[in-house]
Amino acid sequence: MQRWKRYAWYSFSLFQIVIFLAAAVKPANAYVDPGSGLLFLQVGGSMLAGAMFALRAKIRKLLRLGKPATETVSPAENSATVDEAVGKAGTGPNA
């Protein structure tokens, strides 16, 4: 029986709020442009894009959690590739 009383109380309270809001309506003395909705969509989209831009590093880290780590190159291998690149630098047709 308690549940029924609580339901009746909430229903009556909601009904009173709806009646009050319906009685308190004032006439709108303004013109709402049909493009106003698109303005709100543009503002919302801009805010979302700005937030994604500001948090891009954290988003990248979040998306990389499940990916395996990249292969590392030892310093000896790295110096060998640099030496090869430097040695080939002067051997082109325009050298």
Protein backbone atom coordinates (compact mmCIF):
# COMPACT_ATOMS: atom_id res chain seq x y z
CA MET A 1 0.00 0.00 0.00
CA GLN A 2 2.95 2.33 0.62
CA ARG A 3 4.04 2.07 -2.97
CA TRP A 4 0.60 3.11 -4.21
CA LYS A 5 0.59 6.20 -1.95
CA ARG A 6 4.04 7.21 -3.14
CA TYR A 7 3.01 6.79 -6.78
CA ALA A 8 -0.14 8.87 -6.19
CA TRP A 9 1.90 11.60 -4.47
CA TYR A 10 4.44 11.83 -7.31
CA SER A 11 1.71 11.82 -9.93
CA PHE A 12 -0.19 14.60 -8.18
CA SER A 13 3.00 16.66 -7.80
CA LEU A 14 3.83 16.24 -11.48
CA PHE A 15 0.28 17.22 -12.41
CA GLN A 16 0.56 20.41 -10.32
CA ILE A 17 3.86 21.35 -11.96
CA VAL A 18 2.39 20.83 -15.45
CA ILE A 19 -0.67 22.96 -14.57
CA PHE A 20 1.55 25.72 -13.15
CA LEU A 21 3.77 25.75 -16.26
CA ALA A 22 0.72 25.84 -18.54
CA ALA A 23 -0.75 28.77 -16.58
CA ALA A 24 2.54 30.71 -16.50
CA VAL A 25 2.99 30.76 -20.29
CA LYS A 26 3.74 34.22 -21.64
CA PRO A 27 3.37 35.18 -25.28
CA ALA A 28 6.67 35.21 -27.15
CA ASN A 29 7.27 38.64 -28.63
CA ALA A 30 10.21 37.51 -30.70
CA TYR A 31 10.88 35.87 -34.02
CA VAL A 32 12.84 32.64 -34.09
CA ASP A 33 14.72 32.23 -37.34
CA PRO A 34 14.39 28.78 -38.93
CA GLY A 35 18.20 28.57 -39.12
CA SER A 36 18.62 28.90 -35.35
CA GLY A 37 18.65 25.14 -34.89
CA LEU A 38 21.56 24.83 -37.29
CA LEU A 39 23.42 27.48 -35.33
CA PHE A 40 23.05 25.38 -32.18
CA LEU A 41 24.25 22.29 -34.06
CA GLN A 42 27.26 24.22 -35.34
CA VAL A 43 28.14 25.44 -31.85
CA GLY A 44 27.83 21.91 -30.46
CA GLY A 45 29.94 20.45 -33.27
CA SER A 46 32.59 23.13 -32.80
CA MET A 47 32.75 22.40 -29.08
CA LEU A 48 33.13 18.68 -29.75
CA ALA A 49 35.86 19.28 -32.35
CA GLY A 50 37.69 21.63 -29.99
CA ALA A 51 37.55 19.12 -27.15
CA MET A 52 38.86 16.37 -29.41
CA PHE A 53 41.68 18.65 -30.59
CA ALA A 54 42.60 19.57 -27.02
CA LEU A 55 42.52 15.96 -25.84
CA ARG A 56 44.05 14.37 -28.96
CA ALA A 57 47.12 13.03 -27.15
CA LYS A 58 45.00 11.30 -24.53
CA ILE A 59 42.70 9.91 -27.21
CA ARG A 60 45.71 8.50 -29.09
CA LYS A 61 47.02 6.86 -25.92
CA LEU A 62 43.60 5.38 -25.25
CA LEU A 63 43.33 3.94 -28.74
CA ARG A 64 46.85 2.44 -28.61
CA LEU A 65 46.27 0.47 -25.41
CA GLY A 66 45.51 -2.79 -27.21
CA LYS A 67 48.18 -2.49 -29.91
CA PRO A 68 51.59 -4.18 -29.53
CA ALA A 69 54.68 -2.08 -29.01
CA THR A 70 56.67 -1.12 -32.09
CA GLU A 71 59.98 -2.83 -32.81
CA THR A 72 63.00 -0.97 -31.46
CA VAL A 73 66.26 -0.57 -33.36
CA SER A 74 69.56 -0.98 -31.54
CA PRO A 75 72.05 1.91 -31.70
CA ALA A 76 74.49 -0.25 -33.72
CA GLU A 77 71.87 -0.95 -36.40
CA ASN A 78 70.84 2.70 -36.39
CA SER A 79 74.42 3.93 -36.95
CA ALA A 80 74.87 1.43 -39.78
CA THR A 81 71.82 2.75 -41.60
CA VAL A 82 72.97 6.32 -41.07
CA ASP A 83 76.43 5.49 -42.47
CA GLU A 84 74.86 3.84 -45.51
CA ALA A 85 72.65 6.86 -46.10
CA VAL A 86 75.59 9.27 -45.79
CA GLY A 87 77.74 7.12 -48.12
CA LYS A 88 75.02 7.05 -50.80
CA ALA A 89 74.35 10.76 -50.53
CA GLY A 90 77.12 11.75 -52.94
CA THR A 91 76.61 9.00 -55.51
CA GLY A 92 73.62 10.36 -57.42
CA PRO A 93 73.53 11.48 -61.07
CA ASN A 94 73.58 15.14 -59.98
CA ALA A 95 76.53 14.76 -57.62
